[in-house]
Amino acid sequence: MASASLSIPIAFWTRNISTAAVSATLAWEHYVVAGLEDGLIWVLKEQGTLLTGGDSVTEASADAIRLDPGVLLVGHNCRITALEATLADGDAKSMGEWILISASEDG
């Protein structure tokens, strides 16, 4: 069965290696969001375009896409268990905005 999803390996380092485990991920628009075991959330921005050739990613595409760290969100004290993005409708003067919703083990 074919899948329309894309898996992107993510790696980053902190001073304390044990706190860098990813517990939840989300990809939307040109962003990838990674929720961590210690409650932090990284928002990464896609730079470039993914090139595909038929059903597989071509060798050239490895150089064509890059994820740049954008924002580090703090606020949770426990493992991030879920991430979701939703588009909030704007009024007549605004176009709306993306809202990131996160959940952790402690609520």
C-alpha atoms as a PDB file:
ATOM      1  CA  MET A   1       0.000   0.000   0.000  1.00  0.00           C
ATOM      2  CA  ALA A   2       1.455   3.377  -0.994  1.00  0.00           C
ATOM      3  CA  SER A   3       1.718   6.164   1.547  1.00  0.00           C
ATOM      4  CA  ALA A   4       1.578   9.910   0.948  1.00  0.00           C
ATOM      5  CA  SER A   5       3.582  10.683   4.098  1.00  0.00           C
ATOM      6  CA  LEU A   6       7.211  11.726   4.310  1.00  0.00           C
ATOM      7  CA  SER A   7       9.599  10.785   7.113  1.00  0.00           C
ATOM      8  CA  ILE A   8      12.374  13.251   7.920  1.00  0.00           C
ATOM      9  CA  PRO A   9      15.024  12.299  10.490  1.00  0.00           C
ATOM     10  CA  ILE A  10      15.556  15.090  13.019  1.00  0.00           C
ATOM     11  CA  ALA A  11      18.611  15.476  15.240  1.00  0.00           C
ATOM     12  CA  PHE A  12      19.665  18.267  17.569  1.00  0.00           C
ATOM     13  CA  TRP A  13      21.826  18.502  20.641  1.00  0.00           C
ATOM     14  CA  THR A  14      21.576  20.079  24.063  1.00  0.00           C
ATOM     15  CA  ARG A  15      24.091  20.161  26.903  1.00  0.00           C
ATOM     16  CA  ASN A  16      22.207  17.335  28.595  1.00  0.00           C
ATOM     17  CA  ILE A  17      21.839  14.596  25.974  1.00  0.00           C
ATOM     18  CA  SER A  18      19.199  12.722  28.002  1.00  0.00           C
ATOM     19  CA  THR A  19      16.711  15.608  27.637  1.00  0.00           C
ATOM     20  CA  ALA A  20      16.853  15.668  23.819  1.00  0.00           C
ATOM     21  CA  ALA A  21      14.513  12.719  23.112  1.00  0.00           C
ATOM     22  CA  VAL A  22      11.690  13.512  20.678  1.00  0.00           C
ATOM     23  CA  SER A  23       8.299  12.251  21.903  1.00  0.00           C
ATOM     24  CA  ALA A  24       5.909  13.776  19.307  1.00  0.00           C
ATOM     25  CA  THR A  25       6.229  15.266  15.813  1.00  0.00           C
ATOM     26  CA  LEU A  26       4.042  17.265  13.460  1.00  0.00           C
ATOM     27  CA  ALA A  27       4.624  18.443   9.886  1.00  0.00           C
ATOM     28  CA  TRP A  28       2.425  21.129   8.311  1.00  0.00           C
ATOM     29  CA  GLU A  29       2.828  23.782   5.629  1.00  0.00           C
ATOM     30  CA  HIS A  30       6.604  24.510   5.595  1.00  0.00           C
ATOM     31  CA  TYR A  31       7.198  23.616   9.256  1.00  0.00           C
ATOM     32  CA  VAL A  32       8.191  20.580  11.300  1.00  0.00           C
ATOM     33  CA  VAL A  33       7.420  20.599  15.025  1.00  0.00           C
ATOM     34  CA  ALA A  34       9.179  18.302  17.511  1.00  0.00           C
ATOM     35  CA  GLY A  35       7.896  17.806  21.062  1.00  0.00           C
ATOM     36  CA  LEU A  36      10.480  16.597  23.569  1.00  0.00           C
ATOM     37  CA  GLU A  37      10.421  14.286  26.577  1.00  0.00           C
ATOM     38  CA  ASP A  38      11.290  17.214  28.889  1.00  0.00           C
ATOM     39  CA  GLY A  39       8.399  19.415  27.713  1.00  0.00           C
ATOM     40  CA  LEU A  40      10.187  21.653  25.204  1.00  0.00           C
ATOM     41  CA  ILE A  41       8.858  22.156  21.660  1.00  0.00           C
ATOM     42  CA  TRP A  42      11.084  22.970  18.665  1.00  0.00           C
ATOM     43  CA  VAL A  43       9.509  24.608  15.591  1.00  0.00           C
ATOM     44  CA  LEU A  44      11.707  24.079  12.509  1.00  0.00           C
ATOM     45  CA  LYS A  45      11.187  25.843   9.151  1.00  0.00           C
ATOM     46  CA  GLU A  46      11.712  24.066   5.837  1.00  0.00           C
ATOM     47  CA  GLN A  47      14.128  25.837   3.493  1.00  0.00           C
ATOM     48  CA  GLY A  48      14.188  24.652  -0.118  1.00  0.00           C
ATOM     49  CA  THR A  49      11.977  22.243  -2.002  1.00  0.00           C
ATOM     50  CA  LEU A  50      11.826  18.468  -1.876  1.00  0.00           C
ATOM     51  CA  LEU A  51      12.423  16.994  -5.333  1.00  0.00           C
ATOM     52  CA  THR A  52      10.754  13.670  -6.073  1.00  0.00           C
ATOM     53  CA  GLY A  53      11.214  11.316  -8.973  1.00  0.00           C
ATOM     54  CA  GLY A  54       8.224   9.011  -9.323  1.00  0.00           C
ATOM     55  CA  ASP A  55       7.640   7.103  -6.096  1.00  0.00           C
ATOM     56  CA  SER A  56      11.037   7.778  -4.529  1.00  0.00           C
ATOM     57  CA  VAL A  57      13.076  10.768  -3.452  1.00  0.00           C
ATOM     58  CA  THR A  58      15.978  11.447  -5.812  1.00  0.00           C
ATOM     59  CA  GLU A  59      19.593  11.697  -4.627  1.00  0.00           C
ATOM     60  CA  ALA A  60      19.663  15.415  -5.511  1.00  0.00           C
ATOM     61  CA  SER A  61      16.795  16.106  -3.107  1.00  0.00           C
ATOM     62  CA  ALA A  62      19.019  15.492  -0.066  1.00  0.00           C
ATOM     63  CA  ASP A  63      20.708  18.825  -0.810  1.00  0.00           C
ATOM     64  CA  ALA A  64      17.494  20.588  -1.823  1.00  0.00           C
ATOM     65  CA  ILE A  65      15.756  20.569   1.584  1.00  0.00           C
ATOM     66  CA  ARG A  66      16.950  21.931   4.906  1.00  0.00           C
ATOM     67  CA  LEU A  67      15.250  22.414   8.285  1.00  0.00           C
ATOM     68  CA  ASP A  68      16.296  25.556  10.164  1.00  0.00           C
ATOM     69  CA  PRO A  69      15.499  26.004  13.872  1.00  0.00           C
ATOM     70  CA  GLY A  70      12.884  28.724  14.198  1.00  0.00           C
ATOM     71  CA  VAL A  71      11.408  28.817  17.687  1.00  0.00           C
ATOM     72  CA  LEU A  72      11.966  26.946  20.957  1.00  0.00           C
ATOM     73  CA  LEU A  73       8.723  26.913  22.960  1.00  0.00           C
ATOM     74  CA  VAL A  74       8.729  26.372  26.720  1.00  0.00           C
ATOM     75  CA  GLY A  75       5.821  25.916  29.099  1.00  0.00           C
ATOM     76  CA  HIS A  76       5.240  22.210  29.654  1.00  0.00           C
ATOM     77  CA  ASN A  77       7.015  20.389  32.486  1.00  0.00           C
ATOM     78  CA  CYS A  78       6.415  16.830  31.254  1.00  0.00           C
ATOM     79  CA  ARG A  79       6.691  14.744  28.083  1.00  0.00           C
ATOM     80  CA  ILE A  80       4.873  16.171  25.040  1.00  0.00           C
ATOM     81  CA  THR A  81       2.249  13.602  24.013  1.00  0.00           C
ATOM     82  CA  ALA A  82       0.408  15.319  21.135  1.00  0.00           C
ATOM     83  CA  LEU A  83       0.864  18.167  18.657  1.00  0.00           C
ATOM     84  CA  GLU A  84      -1.729  19.635  16.284  1.00  0.00           C
ATOM     85  CA  ALA A  85      -1.961  22.729  14.100  1.00  0.00           C
ATOM     86  CA  THR A  86      -5.196  24.400  13.101  1.00  0.00           C
ATOM     87  CA  LEU A  87      -6.050  27.433  11.021  1.00  0.00           C
ATOM     88  CA  ALA A  88      -8.071  30.019  12.950  1.00  0.00           C
ATOM     89  CA  ASP A  89     -10.371  32.042  10.729  1.00  0.00           C
ATOM     90  CA  GLY A  90      -9.726  35.758  10.676  1.00  0.00           C
ATOM     91  CA  ASP A  91     -12.209  38.564  10.471  1.00  0.00           C
ATOM     92  CA  ALA A  92     -12.784  40.726   7.392  1.00  0.00           C
ATOM     93  CA  LYS A  93      -9.513  42.606   7.999  1.00  0.00           C
ATOM     94  CA  SER A  94      -7.223  39.626   8.608  1.00  0.00           C
ATOM     95  CA  MET A  95      -6.584  36.366   6.784  1.00  0.00           C
ATOM     96  CA  GLY A  96      -6.404  34.081   9.815  1.00  0.00           C
ATOM     97  CA  GLU A  97      -3.433  32.436  11.474  1.00  0.00           C
ATOM     98  CA  TRP A  98      -2.042  29.026  12.320  1.00  0.00           C
ATOM     99  CA  ILE A  99      -2.353  27.975  15.948  1.00  0.00           C
ATOM    100  CA  LEU A 100      -0.186  25.220  17.439  1.00  0.00           C
ATOM    101  CA  ILE A 101      -1.900  23.073  20.082  1.00  0.00           C
ATOM    102  CA  SER A 102       0.204  20.868  22.341  1.00  0.00           C
ATOM    103  CA  ALA A 103      -0.568  18.407  25.138  1.00  0.00           C
ATOM    104  CA  SER A 104       1.714  16.882  27.735  1.00  0.00           C
ATOM    105  CA  GLU A 105       1.428  14.063  30.270  1.00  0.00           C
ATOM    106  CA  ASP A 106       0.425  16.559  32.988  1.00  0.00           C
ATOM    107  CA  GLY A 107      -2.215  18.293  30.873  1.00  0.00           C
END
